[in-house]
Amino acid sequence: MQILVYLAVHPAGATTDELCKAIWPHRRPHAAAGSFYTAVSHLRQTLHTATGGREAITHGGDRYQLDHTITDTDFARLLAAARRTTTAPAPGAAGGRVAGGRRLVPG
């Protein structure tokens, strides 16, 4: 589960080394890598079943990444909302709208 959470909050993904250091910081690298490969294999199998045969975790080179085109997380929604908010006009500016079309100022 920790691997899934880590990948969910790191949209650009992570290397095996980064994941091992984050999840098993006190283990020797070789032992952490063994635990990682076992855990990620089980996780990928579980997600493969849960998504109807799709690959929710991609692996390219040494980088693992959650495929956000087939997964949805609260964190991804929060990041998207933050991006929309930073590009919205300032309150009181022409339009004064934010995500969802709600007006911030009367008029």
Protein backbone atom coordinates (compact mmCIF):
# COMPACT_ATOMS: atom_id res chain seq x y z
CA MET A 1 0.00 0.00 0.00
CA GLN A 2 2.87 2.40 0.76
CA ILE A 3 4.14 2.10 -2.80
CA LEU A 4 0.71 3.01 -4.15
CA VAL A 5 0.42 6.03 -1.85
CA TYR A 6 3.95 7.19 -2.69
CA LEU A 7 3.26 7.00 -6.41
CA ALA A 8 -0.10 8.74 -5.98
CA VAL A 9 1.54 11.77 -4.35
CA HIS A 10 4.50 11.80 -6.76
CA PRO A 11 2.83 12.20 -10.17
CA ALA A 12 6.17 12.10 -11.99
CA GLY A 13 6.86 8.69 -10.49
CA ALA A 14 9.94 7.42 -8.71
CA THR A 15 12.91 5.17 -9.20
CA THR A 16 13.34 1.88 -7.39
CA ASP A 17 16.01 3.50 -5.24
CA GLU A 18 13.78 6.46 -4.32
CA LEU A 19 10.91 4.16 -3.39
CA CYS A 20 13.14 1.86 -1.34
CA LYS A 21 14.67 4.76 0.59
CA ALA A 22 11.24 6.26 1.28
CA ILE A 23 9.54 3.03 2.37
CA TRP A 24 12.38 1.04 3.93
CA PRO A 25 14.87 3.73 5.02
CA HIS A 26 16.61 1.55 7.63
CA ARG A 27 17.09 -1.54 5.50
CA ARG A 28 20.19 -2.31 3.53
CA PRO A 29 19.69 -1.47 -0.15
CA HIS A 30 19.78 -5.11 -1.30
CA ALA A 31 17.20 -6.20 1.29
CA ALA A 32 14.98 -3.20 0.56
CA ALA A 33 15.12 -3.93 -3.18
CA GLY A 34 14.03 -7.54 -2.60
CA SER A 35 11.08 -6.36 -0.50
CA PHE A 36 10.24 -3.73 -3.11
CA TYR A 37 10.13 -6.12 -6.06
CA THR A 38 7.90 -8.54 -4.14
CA ALA A 39 5.57 -5.75 -3.00
CA VAL A 40 5.33 -4.02 -6.38
CA SER A 41 4.64 -7.34 -8.11
CA HIS A 42 1.73 -8.08 -5.77
CA LEU A 43 0.46 -4.52 -6.08
CA ARG A 44 0.57 -4.60 -9.87
CA GLN A 45 -1.33 -7.92 -9.90
CA THR A 46 -4.00 -6.53 -7.57
CA LEU A 47 -4.39 -3.34 -9.61
CA HIS A 48 -4.41 -5.34 -12.85
CA THR A 49 -7.43 -7.26 -11.57
CA ALA A 50 -9.10 -4.16 -10.12
CA THR A 51 -8.79 -2.22 -13.39
CA GLY A 52 -10.05 -4.99 -15.64
CA GLY A 53 -6.65 -5.96 -16.97
CA ARG A 54 -5.11 -2.51 -17.39
CA GLU A 55 -1.65 -1.59 -16.15
CA ALA A 56 -2.14 1.00 -13.40
CA ILE A 57 1.57 1.16 -12.60
CA THR A 58 3.88 1.72 -15.52
CA HIS A 59 7.57 0.97 -15.52
CA GLY A 60 10.01 2.57 -17.90
CA GLY A 61 13.73 2.23 -17.36
CA ASP A 62 14.04 2.25 -13.58
CA ARG A 63 11.06 4.56 -13.04
CA TYR A 64 7.66 3.49 -11.74
CA GLN A 65 4.66 5.72 -12.24
CA LEU A 66 0.96 5.54 -11.51
CA ASP A 67 -1.01 5.82 -14.75
CA HIS A 68 -3.29 8.75 -13.96
CA THR A 69 -5.37 8.13 -17.08
CA ILE A 70 -6.89 5.05 -15.44
CA THR A 71 -6.58 5.98 -11.77
CA ASP A 72 -8.18 8.77 -9.80
CA THR A 73 -6.95 10.02 -6.44
CA ASP A 74 -7.99 12.83 -4.14
CA PHE A 75 -4.43 14.16 -4.37
CA ALA A 76 -4.57 14.35 -8.18
CA ARG A 77 -7.89 16.21 -7.93
CA LEU A 78 -6.37 18.61 -5.39
CA LEU A 79 -3.41 19.33 -7.70
CA ALA A 80 -5.77 19.90 -10.64
CA ALA A 81 -7.91 22.27 -8.59
CA ALA A 82 -4.82 24.16 -7.45
CA ARG A 83 -3.68 24.54 -11.07
CA ARG A 84 -7.10 25.86 -12.10
CA THR A 85 -7.16 28.28 -9.18
CA THR A 86 -3.73 29.72 -9.99
CA THR A 87 -4.84 30.42 -13.55
CA ALA A 88 -8.22 31.91 -12.57
CA PRO A 89 -8.65 35.69 -12.53
CA ALA A 90 -8.14 37.40 -9.20
CA PRO A 91 -11.28 38.13 -7.18
CA GLY A 92 -12.74 41.39 -8.37
CA ALA A 93 -11.15 41.04 -11.80
CA ALA A 94 -13.32 40.67 -14.86
CA GLY A 95 -15.05 37.33 -14.59
CA GLY A 96 -14.03 36.54 -11.01
CA ARG A 97 -14.70 32.83 -11.55
CA VAL A 98 -13.06 29.71 -10.19
CA ALA A 99 -13.45 26.02 -10.99
CA GLY A 100 -17.06 24.97 -11.15
CA GLY A 101 -18.23 28.31 -12.51
CA ARG A 102 -19.03 29.87 -9.15
CA ARG A 103 -18.70 33.63 -8.90
CA LEU A 104 -16.47 35.02 -6.18
CA VAL A 105 -17.74 38.55 -6.47
CA PRO A 106 -21.26 39.87 -7.01
CA GLY A 107 -22.17 41.16 -10.38
